[in-house]
């Protein structure tokens, strides 16, 4: 299907550079500041936005993303609030893809049909739901694809050649390659191994491969971007938000500090294949 995600990757391929995929937590540290952050990301250089859906029991998230989710929940964020942020964003930006990333429980609680109807109306382009394996595609993956929302799957270093076709089945938009075993926020141990893994996955699919987990600096972005179609950055972004707060409240540095970091990472991906 033709989507904003496919259009964006095609444009970046023509530019011979990888995508910068920026992850932020919806409503961190509050709804208004979270909206300002979301609206700022494309101007700072983000090509695709991953918007975290805060959840009280995030199994794959490291401390940084967990804290961001806790801040958002404490400020009153809900799944409907996340969708409202996307809807507001779409009034100003109709081209930047937004992928919601999180866990199935909030979607299940809202109801799959109600969620998908609201997501389409808001302008959501894709979903990454980390606790729904391919064996559960009937739950959300297939209904999402039926309404035009990409369902993006994770592959990991332990996804062998026997398992990989199962993971790739019904995956659309892009494949998210987790660069290490473990949770978000750790450091990449072998960049060469990441390149080998990307090449192996490309032998099984024509979808773009985005590498995430462990990318923190512009140099990281440039190095990994030589191999991947995109690099995803999250923990260092939400840490930047957290470090800018005063007594848990946003300051005049919160949005600006994040803008500067995203711009630096964007410069990194632009030199990845220079």
C-alpha atoms as a PDB file:
ATOM      1  CA  UNK A   1       0.000   0.000   0.000  1.00  0.00           C
ATOM      2  CA  UNK A   2       1.064   3.576  -0.667  1.00  0.00           C
ATOM      3  CA  UNK A   3       1.669   5.346   2.632  1.00  0.00           C
ATOM      4  CA  UNK A   4       3.503   8.353   4.015  1.00  0.00           C
ATOM      5  CA  UNK A   5       6.165   5.933   5.237  1.00  0.00           C
ATOM      6  CA  UNK A   6       6.781   4.480   1.774  1.00  0.00           C
ATOM      7  CA  UNK A   7       6.789   7.949   0.244  1.00  0.00           C
ATOM      8  CA  UNK A   8       9.322   9.217   2.766  1.00  0.00           C
ATOM      9  CA  UNK A   9      11.711   6.286   2.293  1.00  0.00           C
ATOM     10  CA  UNK A  10      11.491   6.645  -1.487  1.00  0.00           C
ATOM     11  CA  UNK A  11      12.402  10.322  -1.224  1.00  0.00           C
ATOM     12  CA  UNK A  12      15.339   9.563   1.072  1.00  0.00           C
ATOM     13  CA  UNK A  13      16.567   6.795  -1.219  1.00  0.00           C
ATOM     14  CA  UNK A  14      16.662   9.339  -4.032  1.00  0.00           C
ATOM     15  CA  UNK A  15      18.792  11.547  -1.756  1.00  0.00           C
ATOM     16  CA  UNK A  16      21.049   8.571  -0.925  1.00  0.00           C
ATOM     17  CA  UNK A  17      20.740   8.981   2.805  1.00  0.00           C
ATOM     18  CA  UNK A  18      19.138   7.087   5.689  1.00  0.00           C
ATOM     19  CA  UNK A  19      16.141   8.294   7.659  1.00  0.00           C
ATOM     20  CA  UNK A  20      16.377   9.812  11.091  1.00  0.00           C
ATOM     21  CA  UNK A  21      13.598   8.199  13.114  1.00  0.00           C
ATOM     22  CA  UNK A  22      13.082  10.140  16.338  1.00  0.00           C
ATOM     23  CA  UNK A  23      11.295   8.611  19.331  1.00  0.00           C
ATOM     24  CA  UNK A  24       9.627  10.747  21.978  1.00  0.00           C
ATOM     25  CA  UNK A  25       7.082   9.860  24.644  1.00  0.00           C
ATOM     26  CA  UNK A  26       3.666  11.377  24.060  1.00  0.00           C
ATOM     27  CA  UNK A  27       2.808  13.870  26.791  1.00  0.00           C
ATOM     28  CA  UNK A  28       6.243  13.979  28.409  1.00  0.00           C
ATOM     29  CA  UNK A  29       6.513  15.990  30.631  1.00  0.00           C
ATOM     30  CA  UNK A  30       2.996  17.300  30.008  1.00  0.00           C
ATOM     31  CA  UNK A  31       0.532  17.522  27.129  1.00  0.00           C
ATOM     32  CA  UNK A  32       1.359  21.066  26.042  1.00  0.00           C
ATOM     33  CA  UNK A  33       5.138  20.592  26.104  1.00  0.00           C
ATOM     34  CA  UNK A  34       4.809  17.186  24.499  1.00  0.00           C
ATOM     35  CA  UNK A  35       2.823  18.769  21.671  1.00  0.00           C
ATOM     36  CA  UNK A  36       5.452  21.472  21.215  1.00  0.00           C
ATOM     37  CA  UNK A  37       8.147  18.785  21.043  1.00  0.00           C
ATOM     38  CA  UNK A  38       6.192  16.720  18.535  1.00  0.00           C
ATOM     39  CA  UNK A  39       5.519  19.736  16.322  1.00  0.00           C
ATOM     40  CA  UNK A  40       9.186  20.764  16.423  1.00  0.00           C
ATOM     41  CA  UNK A  41      10.720  17.441  15.362  1.00  0.00           C
ATOM     42  CA  UNK A  42      10.355  17.715  11.560  1.00  0.00           C
ATOM     43  CA  UNK A  43      11.826  21.223  11.512  1.00  0.00           C
ATOM     44  CA  UNK A  44      14.791  19.959  13.549  1.00  0.00           C
ATOM     45  CA  UNK A  45      15.465  17.202  11.016  1.00  0.00           C
ATOM     46  CA  UNK A  46      13.440  14.135  12.014  1.00  0.00           C
ATOM     47  CA  UNK A  47      12.227  12.240   8.943  1.00  0.00           C
ATOM     48  CA  UNK A  48       9.889   9.855  10.760  1.00  0.00           C
ATOM     49  CA  UNK A  49       8.491  10.177  14.281  1.00  0.00           C
ATOM     50  CA  UNK A  50       7.949   7.324  16.701  1.00  0.00           C
ATOM     51  CA  UNK A  51       5.497   8.487  19.325  1.00  0.00           C
ATOM     52  CA  UNK A  52       5.514   6.457  22.513  1.00  0.00           C
ATOM     53  CA  UNK A  53       2.203   5.382  24.025  1.00  0.00           C
ATOM     54  CA  UNK A  54       2.884   5.488  27.781  1.00  0.00           C
ATOM     55  CA  UNK A  55       2.176   2.265  29.647  1.00  0.00           C
ATOM     56  CA  UNK A  56       2.605   1.353  33.294  1.00  0.00           C
ATOM     57  CA  UNK A  57       4.432  -1.956  32.703  1.00  0.00           C
ATOM     58  CA  UNK A  58       6.791  -1.563  29.706  1.00  0.00           C
ATOM     59  CA  UNK A  59       8.727  -4.822  29.348  1.00  0.00           C
ATOM     60  CA  UNK A  60      11.189  -3.793  26.618  1.00  0.00           C
ATOM     61  CA  UNK A  61      12.002  -0.271  27.761  1.00  0.00           C
ATOM     62  CA  UNK A  62      15.101   0.739  29.650  1.00  0.00           C
ATOM     63  CA  UNK A  63      15.140   3.179  32.540  1.00  0.00           C
ATOM     64  CA  UNK A  64      15.112   6.325  30.392  1.00  0.00           C
ATOM     65  CA  UNK A  65      11.973   5.432  28.443  1.00  0.00           C
ATOM     66  CA  UNK A  66      10.317   4.021  31.559  1.00  0.00           C
ATOM     67  CA  UNK A  67      10.819   7.347  33.345  1.00  0.00           C
ATOM     68  CA  UNK A  68       9.465   9.248  30.351  1.00  0.00           C
ATOM     69  CA  UNK A  69       6.358   7.069  30.388  1.00  0.00           C
ATOM     70  CA  UNK A  70       5.925   7.585  34.103  1.00  0.00           C
ATOM     71  CA  UNK A  71       6.185  11.354  33.682  1.00  0.00           C
ATOM     72  CA  UNK A  72       3.563  11.289  30.943  1.00  0.00           C
ATOM     73  CA  UNK A  73       1.187   9.090  32.942  1.00  0.00           C
ATOM     74  CA  UNK A  74       1.621  11.276  36.026  1.00  0.00           C
ATOM     75  CA  UNK A  75       0.662  14.273  33.883  1.00  0.00           C
ATOM     76  CA  UNK A  76      -2.555  12.508  32.892  1.00  0.00           C
ATOM     77  CA  UNK A  77      -1.692  11.153  29.462  1.00  0.00           C
ATOM     78  CA  UNK A  78      -4.018   8.543  27.953  1.00  0.00           C
ATOM     79  CA  UNK A  79      -4.199   6.701  24.649  1.00  0.00           C
ATOM     80  CA  UNK A  80      -6.913   9.101  23.490  1.00  0.00           C
ATOM     81  CA  UNK A  81      -4.606  11.936  24.486  1.00  0.00           C
ATOM     82  CA  UNK A  82      -1.860  10.442  22.318  1.00  0.00           C
ATOM     83  CA  UNK A  83      -4.214  10.341  19.351  1.00  0.00           C
ATOM     84  CA  UNK A  84      -5.269  13.923  20.025  1.00  0.00           C
ATOM     85  CA  UNK A  85      -1.619  14.949  19.784  1.00  0.00           C
ATOM     86  CA  UNK A  86      -1.331  13.289  16.371  1.00  0.00           C
ATOM     87  CA  UNK A  87      -4.532  14.959  15.197  1.00  0.00           C
ATOM     88  CA  UNK A  88      -3.212  18.364  16.278  1.00  0.00           C
ATOM     89  CA  UNK A  89       0.122  17.675  14.556  1.00  0.00           C
ATOM     90  CA  UNK A  90      -1.646  16.801  11.312  1.00  0.00           C
ATOM     91  CA  UNK A  91      -3.266  20.230  11.159  1.00  0.00           C
ATOM     92  CA  UNK A  92       0.253  21.605  10.594  1.00  0.00           C
ATOM     93  CA  UNK A  93       2.129  18.731   8.952  1.00  0.00           C
ATOM     94  CA  UNK A  94       0.527  16.342   6.467  1.00  0.00           C
ATOM     95  CA  UNK A  95       3.672  14.622   5.209  1.00  0.00           C
ATOM     96  CA  UNK A  96       5.851  13.466   8.144  1.00  0.00           C
ATOM     97  CA  UNK A  97       5.044   9.840   9.051  1.00  0.00           C
ATOM     98  CA  UNK A  98       4.044   9.113  12.644  1.00  0.00           C
ATOM     99  CA  UNK A  99       4.383   5.619  14.091  1.00  0.00           C
ATOM    100  CA  UNK A 100       2.854   4.844  17.471  1.00  0.00           C
ATOM    101  CA  UNK A 101       5.094   2.580  19.553  1.00  0.00           C
ATOM    102  CA  UNK A 102       4.148   0.748  22.702  1.00  0.00           C
ATOM    103  CA  UNK A 103       2.202  -2.161  24.118  1.00  0.00           C
ATOM    104  CA  UNK A 104      -1.077  -3.879  23.367  1.00  0.00           C
ATOM    105  CA  UNK A 105      -2.838  -3.451  26.710  1.00  0.00           C
ATOM    106  CA  UNK A 106      -3.971   0.184  26.223  1.00  0.00           C
ATOM    107  CA  UNK A 107      -5.179  -0.611  22.700  1.00  0.00           C
ATOM    108  CA  UNK A 108      -7.025  -3.710  23.914  1.00  0.00           C
ATOM    109  CA  UNK A 109      -8.614  -1.702  26.714  1.00  0.00           C
ATOM    110  CA  UNK A 110      -9.826   0.953  24.274  1.00  0.00           C
ATOM    111  CA  UNK A 111     -11.000  -1.685  21.812  1.00  0.00           C
ATOM    112  CA  UNK A 112      -9.210  -2.509  18.567  1.00  0.00           C
ATOM    113  CA  UNK A 113     -11.946  -1.223  16.265  1.00  0.00           C
ATOM    114  CA  UNK A 114     -12.383   2.020  18.199  1.00  0.00           C
ATOM    115  CA  UNK A 115      -8.625   2.530  18.346  1.00  0.00           C
ATOM    116  CA  UNK A 116      -8.073   1.948  14.633  1.00  0.00           C
ATOM    117  CA  UNK A 117     -10.954   4.202  13.668  1.00  0.00           C
ATOM    118  CA  UNK A 118      -9.544   6.984  15.846  1.00  0.00           C
ATOM    119  CA  UNK A 119      -5.977   6.346  14.644  1.00  0.00           C
ATOM    120  CA  UNK A 120      -6.947   6.653  10.993  1.00  0.00           C
ATOM    121  CA  UNK A 121      -8.911   9.808  11.702  1.00  0.00           C
ATOM    122  CA  UNK A 122      -5.977  11.312  13.628  1.00  0.00           C
ATOM    123  CA  UNK A 123      -3.455  10.544  10.883  1.00  0.00           C
ATOM    124  CA  UNK A 124      -1.407   7.682  12.331  1.00  0.00           C
ATOM    125  CA  UNK A 125       0.747   5.914   9.729  1.00  0.00           C
ATOM    126  CA  UNK A 126       2.132   2.885  11.534  1.00  0.00           C
ATOM    127  CA  UNK A 127       2.182   0.807  14.690  1.00  0.00           C
ATOM    128  CA  UNK A 128       4.971  -0.922  16.588  1.00  0.00           C
ATOM    129  CA  UNK A 129       3.420  -3.081  19.295  1.00  0.00           C
ATOM    130  CA  UNK A 130       6.294  -4.917  20.895  1.00  0.00           C
ATOM    131  CA  UNK A 131       4.347  -7.562  22.813  1.00  0.00           C
ATOM    132  CA  UNK A 132       2.259  -8.907  19.903  1.00  0.00           C
ATOM    133  CA  UNK A 133       4.139 -11.716  18.103  1.00  0.00           C
ATOM    134  CA  UNK A 134       3.328 -12.789  14.533  1.00  0.00           C
ATOM    135  CA  UNK A 135       1.247 -15.664  15.880  1.00  0.00           C
ATOM    136  CA  UNK A 136      -1.254 -13.032  17.107  1.00  0.00           C
ATOM    137  CA  UNK A 137      -1.645 -11.175  13.800  1.00  0.00           C
ATOM    138  CA  UNK A 138      -5.430 -11.521  13.891  1.00  0.00           C
ATOM    139  CA  UNK A 139      -5.524  -9.373  17.049  1.00  0.00           C
ATOM    140  CA  UNK A 140      -4.254  -6.107  15.570  1.00  0.00           C
ATOM    141  CA  UNK A 141      -1.817  -6.499  12.683  1.00  0.00           C
ATOM    142  CA  UNK A 142      -4.296  -7.617  10.036  1.00  0.00           C
ATOM    143  CA  UNK A 143      -7.062  -5.210  11.114  1.00  0.00           C
ATOM    144  CA  UNK A 144      -4.546  -2.343  11.069  1.00  0.00           C
ATOM    145  CA  UNK A 145      -3.320  -3.199   7.594  1.00  0.00           C
ATOM    146  CA  UNK A 146      -6.925  -3.454   6.397  1.00  0.00           C
ATOM    147  CA  UNK A 147      -7.484   0.226   7.256  1.00  0.00           C
ATOM    148  CA  UNK A 148      -4.177   1.369   5.740  1.00  0.00           C
ATOM    149  CA  UNK A 149      -1.943   1.507   8.821  1.00  0.00           C
ATOM    150  CA  UNK A 150       1.468  -0.118   8.508  1.00  0.00           C
ATOM    151  CA  UNK A 151       2.309  -2.758  11.092  1.00  0.00           C
ATOM    152  CA  UNK A 152       6.040  -2.699  11.793  1.00  0.00           C
ATOM    153  CA  UNK A 153       7.754  -5.682  13.334  1.00  0.00           C
ATOM    154  CA  UNK A 154      10.932  -6.005  15.362  1.00  0.00           C
ATOM    155  CA  UNK A 155      13.801  -8.311  14.408  1.00  0.00           C
ATOM    156  CA  UNK A 156      16.612  -8.971  16.874  1.00  0.00           C
ATOM    157  CA  UNK A 157      20.064 -10.608  16.913  1.00  0.00           C
ATOM    158  CA  UNK A 158      18.345 -13.862  17.956  1.00  0.00           C
ATOM    159  CA  UNK A 159      15.908 -13.839  15.005  1.00  0.00           C
ATOM    160  CA  UNK A 160      17.480 -16.614  12.932  1.00  0.00           C
ATOM    161  CA  UNK A 161      16.841 -17.458   9.278  1.00  0.00           C
ATOM    162  CA  UNK A 162      14.112 -19.900  10.238  1.00  0.00           C
ATOM    163  CA  UNK A 163      12.222 -17.377  12.352  1.00  0.00           C
ATOM    164  CA  UNK A 164      12.835 -14.321  10.160  1.00  0.00           C
ATOM    165  CA  UNK A 165      10.264 -15.164   7.429  1.00  0.00           C
ATOM    166  CA  UNK A 166       7.629 -15.556  10.149  1.00  0.00           C
ATOM    167  CA  UNK A 167       8.518 -12.139  11.568  1.00  0.00           C
ATOM    168  CA  UNK A 168       8.481 -10.543   8.118  1.00  0.00           C
ATOM    169  CA  UNK A 169       5.118 -12.001   7.133  1.00  0.00           C
ATOM    170  CA  UNK A 170       2.520  -9.182   7.225  1.00  0.00           C
ATOM    171  CA  UNK A 171       5.181  -6.645   8.187  1.00  0.00           C
ATOM    172  CA  UNK A 172       4.887  -3.384   6.262  1.00  0.00           C
ATOM    173  CA  UNK A 173       6.368   0.108   6.262  1.00  0.00           C
ATOM    174  CA  UNK A 174       9.804  -0.923   7.490  1.00  0.00           C
ATOM    175  CA  UNK A 175      11.541  -3.532   9.626  1.00  0.00           C
ATOM    176  CA  UNK A 176      12.869  -2.327  12.963  1.00  0.00           C
ATOM    177  CA  UNK A 177      16.129  -4.126  13.738  1.00  0.00           C
ATOM    178  CA  UNK A 178      16.968  -4.113  17.442  1.00  0.00           C
ATOM    179  CA  UNK A 179      20.751  -3.894  17.474  1.00  0.00           C
ATOM    180  CA  UNK A 180      21.264  -5.840  20.712  1.00  0.00           C
ATOM    181  CA  UNK A 181      19.663  -8.236  23.138  1.00  0.00           C
ATOM    182  CA  UNK A 182      18.124  -6.424  26.076  1.00  0.00           C
ATOM    183  CA  UNK A 183      16.209  -3.223  26.698  1.00  0.00           C
ATOM    184  CA  UNK A 184      16.486   0.269  25.257  1.00  0.00           C
ATOM    185  CA  UNK A 185      19.327   2.553  26.251  1.00  0.00           C
ATOM    186  CA  UNK A 186      22.343   0.217  26.214  1.00  0.00           C
ATOM    187  CA  UNK A 187      25.402   0.742  24.006  1.00  0.00           C
ATOM    188  CA  UNK A 188      26.006  -1.062  20.711  1.00  0.00           C
ATOM    189  CA  UNK A 189      28.798  -3.586  21.197  1.00  0.00           C
ATOM    190  CA  UNK A 190      29.627  -4.364  17.549  1.00  0.00           C
ATOM    191  CA  UNK A 191      28.756  -2.051  14.706  1.00  0.00           C
ATOM    192  CA  UNK A 192      30.137  -4.562  12.228  1.00  0.00           C
ATOM    193  CA  UNK A 193      27.679  -7.145  13.486  1.00  0.00           C
ATOM    194  CA  UNK A 194      24.849  -4.661  12.943  1.00  0.00           C
ATOM    195  CA  UNK A 195      25.906  -4.197   9.319  1.00  0.00           C
ATOM    196  CA  UNK A 196      26.025  -7.972   8.805  1.00  0.00           C
ATOM    197  CA  UNK A 197      22.568  -8.349  10.337  1.00  0.00           C
ATOM    198  CA  UNK A 198      21.091  -5.656   8.117  1.00  0.00           C
ATOM    199  CA  UNK A 199      22.544  -7.354   5.052  1.00  0.00           C
ATOM    200  CA  UNK A 200      21.089 -10.699   6.162  1.00  0.00           C
ATOM    201  CA  UNK A 201      17.608  -9.250   6.674  1.00  0.00           C
ATOM    202  CA  UNK A 202      17.762  -7.507   3.295  1.00  0.00           C
ATOM    203  CA  UNK A 203      18.207 -10.948   1.783  1.00  0.00           C
ATOM    204  CA  UNK A 204      14.680 -11.740   2.957  1.00  0.00           C
ATOM    205  CA  UNK A 205      12.776  -8.518   2.258  1.00  0.00           C
ATOM    206  CA  UNK A 206      12.634  -5.389   0.125  1.00  0.00           C
ATOM    207  CA  UNK A 207      11.361  -3.329   3.050  1.00  0.00           C
ATOM    208  CA  UNK A 208      13.622  -0.609   4.482  1.00  0.00           C
ATOM    209  CA  UNK A 209      15.600  -1.643   7.561  1.00  0.00           C
ATOM    210  CA  UNK A 210      15.729   0.796  10.475  1.00  0.00           C
ATOM    211  CA  UNK A 211      18.271   0.105  13.234  1.00  0.00           C
ATOM    212  CA  UNK A 212      17.459   1.146  16.773  1.00  0.00           C
ATOM    213  CA  UNK A 213      18.745   0.732  20.360  1.00  0.00           C
ATOM    214  CA  UNK A 214      22.128   2.136  21.343  1.00  0.00           C
ATOM    215  CA  UNK A 215      22.387   5.082  18.922  1.00  0.00           C
ATOM    216  CA  UNK A 216      23.196   8.187  20.936  1.00  0.00           C
ATOM    217  CA  UNK A 217      25.387  10.571  18.923  1.00  0.00           C
ATOM    218  CA  UNK A 218      25.744  12.020  15.444  1.00  0.00           C
ATOM    219  CA  UNK A 219      28.781   9.787  14.917  1.00  0.00           C
ATOM    220  CA  UNK A 220      26.695   6.734  15.855  1.00  0.00           C
ATOM    221  CA  UNK A 221      24.043   7.874  13.386  1.00  0.00           C
ATOM    222  CA  UNK A 222      26.614   8.288  10.622  1.00  0.00           C
ATOM    223  CA  UNK A 223      28.253   4.918  11.298  1.00  0.00           C
ATOM    224  CA  UNK A 224      25.052   2.865  11.493  1.00  0.00           C
ATOM    225  CA  UNK A 225      23.472   4.875   8.683  1.00  0.00           C
ATOM    226  CA  UNK A 226      26.097   3.544   6.283  1.00  0.00           C
ATOM    227  CA  UNK A 227      24.431   0.146   6.544  1.00  0.00           C
ATOM    228  CA  UNK A 228      20.789   0.868   7.367  1.00  0.00           C
ATOM    229  CA  UNK A 229      17.926   2.619   5.603  1.00  0.00           C
ATOM    230  CA  UNK A 230      17.195   4.468   8.818  1.00  0.00           C
ATOM    231  CA  UNK A 231      18.413   4.913  12.364  1.00  0.00           C
ATOM    232  CA  UNK A 232      16.063   5.193  15.326  1.00  0.00           C
ATOM    233  CA  UNK A 233      17.028   7.259  18.354  1.00  0.00           C
ATOM    234  CA  UNK A 234      15.014   7.285  21.565  1.00  0.00           C
ATOM    235  CA  UNK A 235      16.657   7.016  24.974  1.00  0.00           C
ATOM    236  CA  UNK A 236      19.020   9.955  24.510  1.00  0.00           C
ATOM    237  CA  UNK A 237      16.085  12.099  23.355  1.00  0.00           C
ATOM    238  CA  UNK A 238      13.878  11.329  26.331  1.00  0.00           C
ATOM    239  CA  UNK A 239      16.895  11.771  28.629  1.00  0.00           C
ATOM    240  CA  UNK A 240      17.363  15.234  27.164  1.00  0.00           C
ATOM    241  CA  UNK A 241      13.782  16.056  28.061  1.00  0.00           C
ATOM    242  CA  UNK A 242      14.196  14.667  31.566  1.00  0.00           C
ATOM    243  CA  UNK A 243      17.468  16.495  32.186  1.00  0.00           C
ATOM    244  CA  UNK A 244      15.899  19.817  31.179  1.00  0.00           C
ATOM    245  CA  UNK A 245      13.178  19.688  33.816  1.00  0.00           C
ATOM    246  CA  UNK A 246      13.142  21.560  37.103  1.00  0.00           C
ATOM    247  CA  UNK A 247      11.229  19.787  39.865  1.00  0.00           C
ATOM    248  CA  UNK A 248       9.586  17.695  37.150  1.00  0.00           C
ATOM    249  CA  UNK A 249       8.318  20.729  35.244  1.00  0.00           C
ATOM    250  CA  UNK A 250       9.422  21.956  31.798  1.00  0.00           C
ATOM    251  CA  UNK A 251      11.791  24.902  31.527  1.00  0.00           C
ATOM    252  CA  UNK A 252      12.602  27.292  28.718  1.00  0.00           C
ATOM    253  CA  UNK A 253      15.401  24.861  27.773  1.00  0.00           C
ATOM    254  CA  UNK A 254      13.225  21.762  27.294  1.00  0.00           C
ATOM    255  CA  UNK A 255      12.155  22.129  23.671  1.00  0.00           C
ATOM    256  CA  UNK A 256      15.316  23.924  22.590  1.00  0.00           C
ATOM    257  CA  UNK A 257      17.685  21.316  24.005  1.00  0.00           C
ATOM    258  CA  UNK A 258      15.851  18.576  22.177  1.00  0.00           C
ATOM    259  CA  UNK A 259      15.775  20.612  18.968  1.00  0.00           C
ATOM    260  CA  UNK A 260      19.559  21.029  19.085  1.00  0.00           C
ATOM    261  CA  UNK A 261      20.153  17.329  19.662  1.00  0.00           C
ATOM    262  CA  UNK A 262      17.823  16.238  16.850  1.00  0.00           C
ATOM    263  CA  UNK A 263      19.504  18.704  14.484  1.00  0.00           C
ATOM    264  CA  UNK A 264      22.907  17.243  15.400  1.00  0.00           C
ATOM    265  CA  UNK A 265      21.682  13.690  14.783  1.00  0.00           C
ATOM    266  CA  UNK A 266      20.163  14.800  11.479  1.00  0.00           C
ATOM    267  CA  UNK A 267      23.546  16.145  10.433  1.00  0.00           C
ATOM    268  CA  UNK A 268      25.001  12.736  11.305  1.00  0.00           C
ATOM    269  CA  UNK A 269      22.661  10.791   9.036  1.00  0.00           C
ATOM    270  CA  UNK A 270      23.290  13.244   6.215  1.00  0.00           C
ATOM    271  CA  UNK A 271      27.002  12.460   6.254  1.00  0.00           C
ATOM    272  CA  UNK A 272      26.462   8.693   6.579  1.00  0.00           C
ATOM    273  CA  UNK A 273      27.074   8.094   2.868  1.00  0.00           C
ATOM    274  CA  UNK A 274      28.920  11.278   1.980  1.00  0.00           C
END
